Protein backbone atom coordinates (compact mmCIF):
# COMPACT_ATOMS: atom_id res chain seq x y z
CA MET A 1 96.59 98.63 146.17
CA ARG A 2 97.76 101.06 143.55
CA ARG A 3 100.82 103.62 143.10
CA THR A 4 101.97 106.53 141.09
CA CYS A 5 104.85 105.22 138.35
CA GLU A 6 106.66 106.73 135.47
CA PRO A 7 106.39 103.88 132.82
CA ASN A 8 109.18 104.48 130.28
CA ILE A 9 106.56 103.28 127.51
CA LEU A 10 102.89 103.02 127.59
CA TYR A 11 102.39 99.62 125.47
CA PHE A 12 99.60 98.00 127.32
CA GLY A 13 99.00 95.51 124.43
CA THR A 14 98.13 96.07 120.44
CA PRO A 15 98.61 93.91 117.56
CA VAL A 16 101.68 93.99 115.56
CA VAL A 17 101.41 95.11 111.93
CA LEU A 18 104.07 94.67 109.07
CA ILE A 19 103.30 97.79 106.90
CA SER A 20 104.41 97.57 103.44
CA THR A 21 105.30 100.64 101.51
CA ARG A 22 107.10 101.62 98.23
CA ASN A 23 110.53 103.49 98.29
CA GLU A 24 111.55 106.24 95.93
CA ASP A 25 113.32 103.53 93.79
CA GLY A 26 110.17 101.37 93.36
CA SER A 27 111.61 98.93 95.69
CA ALA A 28 109.62 97.32 98.84
CA ASN A 29 110.22 98.45 102.39
CA LEU A 30 108.58 96.29 104.81
CA ALA A 31 108.40 97.50 109.00
CA PRO A 32 106.97 96.14 112.17
CA MET A 33 104.84 98.52 114.34
CA SER A 34 102.07 98.07 117.08
CA SER A 35 100.97 102.06 117.47
CA ILE A 36 97.22 101.36 115.72
CA PHE A 37 93.68 101.30 116.29
CA TRP A 38 90.52 100.84 114.39
CA LEU A 39 87.26 102.43 113.76
CA GLY A 40 85.18 100.71 110.93
CA TRP A 41 87.37 100.38 107.74
CA ARG A 42 89.52 103.09 109.12
CA CYS A 43 92.27 103.14 111.15
CA MET A 44 94.97 105.37 112.70
CA ILE A 45 98.68 104.54 113.03
CA GLY A 46 101.36 106.44 114.71
CA LEU A 47 104.77 106.53 113.51
CA ALA A 48 108.08 108.63 113.99
CA ALA A 49 108.44 111.49 111.23
CA MET A 50 111.66 110.27 110.55
CA SER A 51 110.70 106.90 109.69
CA LYS A 52 111.29 105.39 106.31
CA THR A 53 107.67 104.02 106.26
CA THR A 54 106.27 107.39 107.17
CA GLN A 55 108.21 109.05 104.47
CA ASN A 56 107.03 106.26 101.88
CA ILE A 57 103.32 106.63 102.99
CA LEU A 58 103.31 110.35 102.71
CA ARG A 59 104.99 110.56 99.34
CA GLU A 60 102.78 107.24 97.75
CA GLY A 61 99.69 107.91 99.84
CA GLU A 62 98.86 104.28 100.24
CA CYS A 63 100.54 101.05 101.81
CA VAL A 64 99.26 97.54 102.85
CA LEU A 65 98.78 96.45 106.59
CA ASN A 66 100.02 93.09 106.93
CA LEU A 67 98.57 91.34 110.32
CA PRO A 68 100.57 88.24 111.31
CA SER A 69 99.50 85.41 113.47
CA PHE A 70 100.91 84.55 116.75
CA ASP A 71 103.27 82.07 115.16
CA MET A 72 104.94 84.72 113.33
CA ALA A 73 106.95 86.20 115.94
CA GLY A 74 110.21 84.89 114.53
CA ALA A 75 109.58 86.63 111.19
CA VAL A 76 108.86 90.03 112.86
CA ASN A 77 111.91 89.73 114.93
CA GLY A 78 114.04 89.18 111.77
CA LEU A 79 112.86 93.10 111.21
CA ALA A 80 113.57 94.17 114.31
CA LEU A 81 116.46 96.78 114.68
CA THR A 82 116.56 97.32 110.98
CA THR A 83 115.61 100.22 108.86
CA GLY A 84 115.06 101.31 105.13
CA SER A 85 116.91 104.65 105.69
CA SER A 86 120.67 105.14 104.97
CA PRO A 87 122.24 106.61 106.56
CA VAL A 88 120.75 105.25 109.65
CA PRO A 89 119.11 108.06 111.70
CA GLU A 90 120.89 108.96 114.66
CA GLY A 91 118.26 107.81 117.21
CA LYS A 92 118.02 104.37 115.69
CA ALA A 93 121.75 103.83 115.45
CA LYS A 94 121.97 104.61 119.02
CA ARG A 95 119.58 101.61 119.66
CA GLY A 96 121.58 99.58 117.46
CA TYR A 97 119.38 99.99 114.27
CA GLU A 98 121.09 99.15 110.89
CA PHE A 99 120.18 99.76 107.44
CA CYS A 100 118.58 96.88 105.45
CA ALA A 101 117.62 97.22 101.59
CA ASP A 102 115.73 94.11 101.33
CA LYS A 103 113.44 93.37 104.56
CA PHE A 104 111.46 90.54 103.15
CA SER A 105 114.69 88.67 102.55
CA ARG A 106 115.69 89.43 105.99
CA ALA A 107 112.37 88.21 107.39
CA GLY A 108 112.18 85.36 105.14
CA LEU A 109 108.87 86.41 104.01
CA THR A 110 107.07 86.54 100.38
CA PRO A 111 106.02 89.26 98.48
CA ALA A 112 102.79 89.17 96.69
CA ASN A 113 101.06 91.63 94.34
CA SER A 114 98.34 93.75 95.68
CA GLU A 115 95.42 94.53 93.53
CA ILE A 116 94.94 98.39 94.15
CA VAL A 117 97.91 99.57 95.68
CA THR A 118 101.61 99.59 94.30
CA ALA A 119 103.07 98.16 97.89
CA PRO A 120 103.22 94.36 98.04
CA ARG A 121 101.42 92.23 100.56
CA VAL A 122 102.96 89.62 102.68
CA GLU A 123 101.98 86.30 101.47
CA GLU A 124 102.67 84.50 104.93
CA CYS A 125 100.15 87.09 106.89
CA PRO A 126 96.59 85.59 107.20
CA VAL A 127 95.16 89.42 107.15
CA GLN A 128 96.28 91.80 104.51
CA LEU A 129 94.76 95.24 104.28
CA GLU A 130 95.42 97.57 100.90
CA ALA A 131 95.14 101.30 102.39
CA LYS A 132 95.14 104.46 101.20
CA LEU A 133 96.08 107.95 103.49
CA GLU A 134 93.23 110.11 104.21
CA GLY A 135 94.78 112.44 106.54
CA ARG A 136 97.62 113.10 108.95
CA HIS A 137 98.16 115.02 112.16
CA GLN A 138 101.68 116.08 113.49
CA MET A 139 102.46 115.43 117.10
CA ALA A 140 105.29 115.83 119.64
CA GLN A 141 107.26 117.93 117.43
CA LYS A 142 108.52 120.21 120.29
CA ASP A 143 109.24 117.14 122.46
CA TRP A 144 110.68 114.53 120.37
CA PRO A 145 113.57 114.75 117.78
CA GLY A 146 111.84 115.33 114.34
CA GLY A 147 108.31 114.72 116.02
CA ALA A 148 105.79 112.20 114.73
CA HIS A 149 102.65 111.54 112.59
CA CYS A 150 99.39 110.22 113.32
CA MET A 151 98.08 109.17 110.15
CA GLU A 152 94.36 108.09 109.26
CA LEU A 153 94.12 105.23 106.61
CA ARG A 154 91.11 103.82 104.89
CA ILE A 155 90.75 100.51 103.96
CA LEU A 156 90.45 99.60 99.98
CA ARG A 157 90.56 95.99 100.02
CA VAL A 158 90.80 93.06 102.67
CA HIS A 159 92.46 89.79 101.90
CA VAL A 160 91.83 87.17 104.71
CA ASP A 161 93.16 83.53 104.84
CA GLU A 162 90.16 81.13 104.38
CA SER A 163 91.32 79.28 107.70
CA ILE A 164 90.15 81.99 109.92
CA MET A 165 86.91 82.69 108.42
CA MET A 166 83.64 82.05 110.32
CA LYS A 167 82.07 78.67 108.85
CA GLY A 168 78.98 79.30 106.48
CA GLU A 169 79.74 83.09 106.43
CA LYS A 170 81.11 84.84 103.53
CA ASN A 171 82.31 88.17 105.50
CA ARG A 172 82.93 87.18 108.85
CA ILE A 173 86.08 86.70 110.67
CA ASP A 174 86.22 84.10 113.48
CA PRO A 175 87.61 85.44 116.41
CA ASP A 176 88.21 82.02 117.97
CA LEU A 177 90.46 81.10 114.80
CA TRP A 178 92.16 84.26 114.45
CA ARG A 179 95.36 84.68 116.71
CA PRO A 180 97.07 87.75 115.95
CA LEU A 181 100.40 88.75 117.38
CA ILE A 182 100.50 90.94 120.41
CA MET A 183 102.99 93.37 121.62
CA SER A 184 102.84 94.65 125.26
CA PHE A 185 105.69 96.39 126.79
CA GLN A 186 108.30 95.03 124.15
CA LYS A 187 107.23 91.46 124.34
CA PHE A 188 105.10 88.83 122.06
CA TYR A 189 101.94 87.54 123.24
CA GLY A 190 99.07 85.46 121.61
CA LEU A 191 95.38 85.63 122.47
CA GLY A 192 93.73 82.84 124.97
CA PRO A 193 89.93 81.60 124.63
CA GLN A 194 87.35 84.05 124.83
CA LEU A 195 86.66 84.79 128.55
CA GLU A 196 83.05 85.17 128.61
CA PRO A 197 80.32 86.24 125.78
CA SER A 198 80.39 90.05 125.46
CA VAL A 199 77.10 92.15 125.54
CA LEU A 200 78.43 93.98 122.53
CA ALA A 201 78.23 90.94 120.43
CA ARG A 202 74.38 90.97 120.61
CA VAL A 203 74.54 93.69 117.93
CA PRO A 204 74.45 92.05 114.47
CA GLU A 205 78.13 92.51 112.77
CA HIS A 206 76.50 94.16 109.78
CA MET A 207 75.30 97.11 111.85
CA TYR A 208 78.67 98.13 112.17
CA ARG A 209 79.43 98.49 108.35
CA THR A 210 79.94 102.27 107.31
CA PRO A 211 79.92 103.85 103.88
CA ASP A 212 83.51 102.98 103.34
CA HIS A 213 82.62 99.66 102.51
CA ALA A 214 80.74 100.84 99.62
CA ALA A 215 83.31 103.19 98.61
CA ALA A 216 86.25 100.65 98.70
CA VAL A 217 87.29 99.35 95.30
């Protein structure tokens, strides 16, 4: 039996991402988020317009998407309720956020130089994706304070830890080895074992390649 309800949020489960960007003074910013979906080597992310990360991406035109594994929940929690904006925006202040100038130290994480973009990667994350901004769409301007931005990012370079690569394959990640950190209704979860073979898996993975691969630096 189903019933009509009005949940405060509709976070049914998406991967957590640590987005690293550069501030105006060249220092690094690091922010957790989970409003993201993928199509090939492109993705869409959703962030509040007043977010420091949003401002950095729009100004610099680039970022790094660092995907933590399920055992990195503690590090992500270290970044929760922090912001790179000073003064702290009113909406975040009401929710208990505080300004933090050095997010990497706060979370106990290590910055690593990227190969293409200027923003650093997170050394501890098994997956690190250097990306550039391709487009944006403003949303909820009339309904939310400051509104939000949906930003299209194109992946330029992919860094993956060998521990989650498929044996004998150069360009395939093993989903049985990759255990992302998942956010569902503000709580952390991991993935369990595969439930049953997917019909879509009958399609060779290389057939999903798009021209973005050839365009990547």
